[in-house]
Amino acid sequence: GHEDTLFGIALKKAGNSLLHIDNPVVHLGLESNGRFTEKTFTGVQTLAKLYATGKVSRNDVRLLRFYFNLKSKGLGLLLDVAGDFLSASAKRNLLSENPKLTSLDIYKLVVLHNELKRMV
């Protein structure tokens, strides 16, 4: 989780420019949806720790930017109230035969919210 993020930040700090390329991913079924979901959870936990320790800023990672944008609009309360339901629903979808990418985004957002709350 997020070693590539830290590497990219170090490159930028050293004055290097980064070029992001369109590199589509093909799912070959080598890993189960359950294992992928576990790795996603761990990755978001790591991201929350990196943010909490100042190793990444809210502007370094799209998920952090989106999360803090939602919070600035007062939608953190929605995650407090409906987060467990949203997370469970998203996880169910991720473990289904036809998972949706929006479920992955919702799952990561709720996990990040819960992890950051827990750290404060």
C-alpha atoms as a PDB file:
ATOM      1  CA  GLY A   1       0.000   0.000   0.000  1.00  0.00           C
ATOM      2  CA  HIS A   2       1.095   3.301  -1.357  1.00  0.00           C
ATOM      3  CA  GLU A   3       4.810   2.737  -1.796  1.00  0.00           C
ATOM      4  CA  ASP A   4       4.298   4.070  -5.316  1.00  0.00           C
ATOM      5  CA  THR A   5       2.669   7.202  -3.872  1.00  0.00           C
ATOM      6  CA  LEU A   6       5.632   7.836  -1.593  1.00  0.00           C
ATOM      7  CA  PHE A   7       8.032   7.221  -4.486  1.00  0.00           C
ATOM      8  CA  GLY A   8       6.154   9.704  -6.677  1.00  0.00           C
ATOM      9  CA  ILE A   9       6.205  12.338  -3.911  1.00  0.00           C
ATOM     10  CA  ALA A  10       9.950  11.814  -3.435  1.00  0.00           C
ATOM     11  CA  LEU A  11      10.519  12.221  -7.182  1.00  0.00           C
ATOM     12  CA  LYS A  12       8.532  15.474  -7.230  1.00  0.00           C
ATOM     13  CA  LYS A  13      10.429  16.819  -4.202  1.00  0.00           C
ATOM     14  CA  ALA A  14      13.698  16.027  -5.984  1.00  0.00           C
ATOM     15  CA  GLY A  15      12.575  18.168  -8.914  1.00  0.00           C
ATOM     16  CA  ASN A  16      11.620  15.391 -11.306  1.00  0.00           C
ATOM     17  CA  SER A  17       8.486  15.654 -13.412  1.00  0.00           C
ATOM     18  CA  LEU A  18       6.054  12.757 -13.648  1.00  0.00           C
ATOM     19  CA  LEU A  19       4.201  11.598 -16.714  1.00  0.00           C
ATOM     20  CA  HIS A  20       1.081   9.564 -16.030  1.00  0.00           C
ATOM     21  CA  ILE A  21       0.188   7.206 -18.839  1.00  0.00           C
ATOM     22  CA  ASP A  22      -3.070   5.466 -19.672  1.00  0.00           C
ATOM     23  CA  ASN A  23      -2.324   1.891 -18.680  1.00  0.00           C
ATOM     24  CA  PRO A  24      -5.507  -0.216 -18.617  1.00  0.00           C
ATOM     25  CA  VAL A  25      -5.705  -3.196 -16.301  1.00  0.00           C
ATOM     26  CA  VAL A  26      -6.933  -6.584 -17.460  1.00  0.00           C
ATOM     27  CA  HIS A  27      -8.429  -8.874 -14.830  1.00  0.00           C
ATOM     28  CA  LEU A  28      -7.215 -12.414 -15.362  1.00  0.00           C
ATOM     29  CA  GLY A  29      -8.983 -13.889 -12.344  1.00  0.00           C
ATOM     30  CA  LEU A  30      -5.711 -14.635 -10.535  1.00  0.00           C
ATOM     31  CA  GLU A  31      -7.036 -13.201  -7.287  1.00  0.00           C
ATOM     32  CA  SER A  32     -10.463 -13.577  -5.722  1.00  0.00           C
ATOM     33  CA  ASN A  33     -12.727 -10.595  -5.167  1.00  0.00           C
ATOM     34  CA  GLY A  34     -12.431 -11.241  -1.435  1.00  0.00           C
ATOM     35  CA  ARG A  35      -8.643 -11.061  -1.469  1.00  0.00           C
ATOM     36  CA  PHE A  36      -8.734  -7.916  -3.612  1.00  0.00           C
ATOM     37  CA  THR A  37     -11.178  -6.314  -1.159  1.00  0.00           C
ATOM     38  CA  GLU A  38      -8.887  -7.212   1.776  1.00  0.00           C
ATOM     39  CA  LYS A  39      -5.895  -5.659  -0.005  1.00  0.00           C
ATOM     40  CA  THR A  40      -7.948  -2.548  -0.762  1.00  0.00           C
ATOM     41  CA  PHE A  41      -8.864  -2.229   2.922  1.00  0.00           C
ATOM     42  CA  THR A  42      -5.208  -2.539   3.937  1.00  0.00           C
ATOM     43  CA  GLY A  43      -4.128  -0.027   1.300  1.00  0.00           C
ATOM     44  CA  VAL A  44      -6.644   2.562   2.501  1.00  0.00           C
ATOM     45  CA  GLN A  45      -5.577   1.957   6.116  1.00  0.00           C
ATOM     46  CA  THR A  46      -1.991   2.629   5.050  1.00  0.00           C
ATOM     47  CA  LEU A  47      -3.048   5.789   3.228  1.00  0.00           C
ATOM     48  CA  ALA A  48      -4.800   7.061   6.373  1.00  0.00           C
ATOM     49  CA  LYS A  49      -1.644   6.407   8.422  1.00  0.00           C
ATOM     50  CA  LEU A  50       0.535   8.168   5.854  1.00  0.00           C
ATOM     51  CA  TYR A  51      -1.788  11.172   5.953  1.00  0.00           C
ATOM     52  CA  ALA A  52      -1.983  11.191   9.762  1.00  0.00           C
ATOM     53  CA  THR A  53       1.821  11.150  10.028  1.00  0.00           C
ATOM     54  CA  GLY A  54       2.269  13.905   7.424  1.00  0.00           C
ATOM     55  CA  LYS A  55       3.964  11.692   4.844  1.00  0.00           C
ATOM     56  CA  VAL A  56       1.272  12.516   2.276  1.00  0.00           C
ATOM     57  CA  SER A  57      -0.924  15.588   2.017  1.00  0.00           C
ATOM     58  CA  ARG A  58      -4.546  15.792   1.017  1.00  0.00           C
ATOM     59  CA  ASN A  59      -3.423  17.047  -2.392  1.00  0.00           C
ATOM     60  CA  ASP A  60      -1.132  14.087  -3.109  1.00  0.00           C
ATOM     61  CA  VAL A  61      -3.838  11.433  -3.548  1.00  0.00           C
ATOM     62  CA  ARG A  62      -7.149  11.685  -5.399  1.00  0.00           C
ATOM     63  CA  LEU A  63      -9.045   9.775  -2.690  1.00  0.00           C
ATOM     64  CA  LEU A  64      -7.834  12.225  -0.019  1.00  0.00           C
ATOM     65  CA  ARG A  65      -8.728  15.237  -2.194  1.00  0.00           C
ATOM     66  CA  PHE A  66     -12.215  13.869  -2.810  1.00  0.00           C
ATOM     67  CA  TYR A  67     -12.728  12.972   0.859  1.00  0.00           C
ATOM     68  CA  PHE A  68     -11.711  16.386   2.178  1.00  0.00           C
ATOM     69  CA  ASN A  69     -13.782  18.093  -0.504  1.00  0.00           C
ATOM     70  CA  LEU A  70     -16.842  16.142   0.703  1.00  0.00           C
ATOM     71  CA  LYS A  71     -16.054  17.031   4.305  1.00  0.00           C
ATOM     72  CA  SER A  72     -15.723  20.721   3.446  1.00  0.00           C
ATOM     73  CA  LYS A  73     -19.265  20.564   2.071  1.00  0.00           C
ATOM     74  CA  GLY A  74     -20.556  19.069   5.331  1.00  0.00           C
ATOM     75  CA  LEU A  75     -20.977  15.539   4.003  1.00  0.00           C
ATOM     76  CA  GLY A  76     -18.766  13.951   6.665  1.00  0.00           C
ATOM     77  CA  LEU A  77     -21.930  13.595   8.746  1.00  0.00           C
ATOM     78  CA  LEU A  78     -23.454  11.456   5.980  1.00  0.00           C
ATOM     79  CA  LEU A  79     -20.494   9.086   6.283  1.00  0.00           C
ATOM     80  CA  ASP A  80     -20.936   9.038  10.066  1.00  0.00           C
ATOM     81  CA  VAL A  81     -24.632   8.203   9.794  1.00  0.00           C
ATOM     82  CA  ALA A  82     -24.748   5.947   6.734  1.00  0.00           C
ATOM     83  CA  GLY A  83     -21.137   4.748   6.506  1.00  0.00           C
ATOM     84  CA  ASP A  84     -21.726   1.263   7.898  1.00  0.00           C
ATOM     85  CA  PHE A  85     -24.649   0.690   5.535  1.00  0.00           C
ATOM     86  CA  LEU A  86     -22.754   2.102   2.544  1.00  0.00           C
ATOM     87  CA  SER A  87     -19.659   0.052   3.332  1.00  0.00           C
ATOM     88  CA  ALA A  88     -21.591  -3.196   3.799  1.00  0.00           C
ATOM     89  CA  SER A  89     -23.583  -2.615   0.609  1.00  0.00           C
ATOM     90  CA  ALA A  90     -20.451  -1.761  -1.381  1.00  0.00           C
ATOM     91  CA  LYS A  91     -18.577  -4.774  -0.002  1.00  0.00           C
ATOM     92  CA  ARG A  92     -21.472  -7.075  -0.901  1.00  0.00           C
ATOM     93  CA  ASN A  93     -21.336  -5.736  -4.445  1.00  0.00           C
ATOM     94  CA  LEU A  94     -17.549  -6.121  -4.627  1.00  0.00           C
ATOM     95  CA  LEU A  95     -17.866  -9.773  -3.632  1.00  0.00           C
ATOM     96  CA  SER A  96     -20.617 -10.423  -6.183  1.00  0.00           C
ATOM     97  CA  GLU A  97     -20.297 -11.878  -9.661  1.00  0.00           C
ATOM     98  CA  ASN A  98     -20.657  -8.434 -11.285  1.00  0.00           C
ATOM     99  CA  PRO A  99     -18.927  -5.852  -9.073  1.00  0.00           C
ATOM    100  CA  LYS A 100     -19.189  -2.171  -9.933  1.00  0.00           C
ATOM    101  CA  LEU A 101     -16.284   0.291  -9.740  1.00  0.00           C
ATOM    102  CA  THR A 102     -18.524   2.807  -7.982  1.00  0.00           C
ATOM    103  CA  SER A 103     -18.843   0.293  -5.138  1.00  0.00           C
ATOM    104  CA  LEU A 104     -15.055   0.194  -4.865  1.00  0.00           C
ATOM    105  CA  ASP A 105     -14.945   3.998  -4.650  1.00  0.00           C
ATOM    106  CA  ILE A 106     -17.647   4.078  -1.961  1.00  0.00           C
ATOM    107  CA  TYR A 107     -15.935   1.310  -0.001  1.00  0.00           C
ATOM    108  CA  LYS A 108     -12.572   3.112  -0.058  1.00  0.00           C
ATOM    109  CA  LEU A 109     -14.192   6.416   0.939  1.00  0.00           C
ATOM    110  CA  VAL A 110     -15.951   4.901   3.960  1.00  0.00           C
ATOM    111  CA  VAL A 111     -12.852   2.976   5.054  1.00  0.00           C
ATOM    112  CA  LEU A 112     -10.769   6.162   4.821  1.00  0.00           C
ATOM    113  CA  HIS A 113     -13.369   8.109   6.816  1.00  0.00           C
ATOM    114  CA  ASN A 114     -13.488   5.466   9.559  1.00  0.00           C
ATOM    115  CA  GLU A 115      -9.698   5.155   9.744  1.00  0.00           C
ATOM    116  CA  LEU A 116      -9.130   8.910   9.966  1.00  0.00           C
ATOM    117  CA  LYS A 117     -11.837   9.246  12.629  1.00  0.00           C
ATOM    118  CA  ARG A 118     -10.253   6.446  14.624  1.00  0.00           C
ATOM    119  CA  MET A 119      -6.850   8.158  14.519  1.00  0.00           C
ATOM    120  CA  VAL A 120      -8.076  11.491  15.855  1.00  0.00           C
END
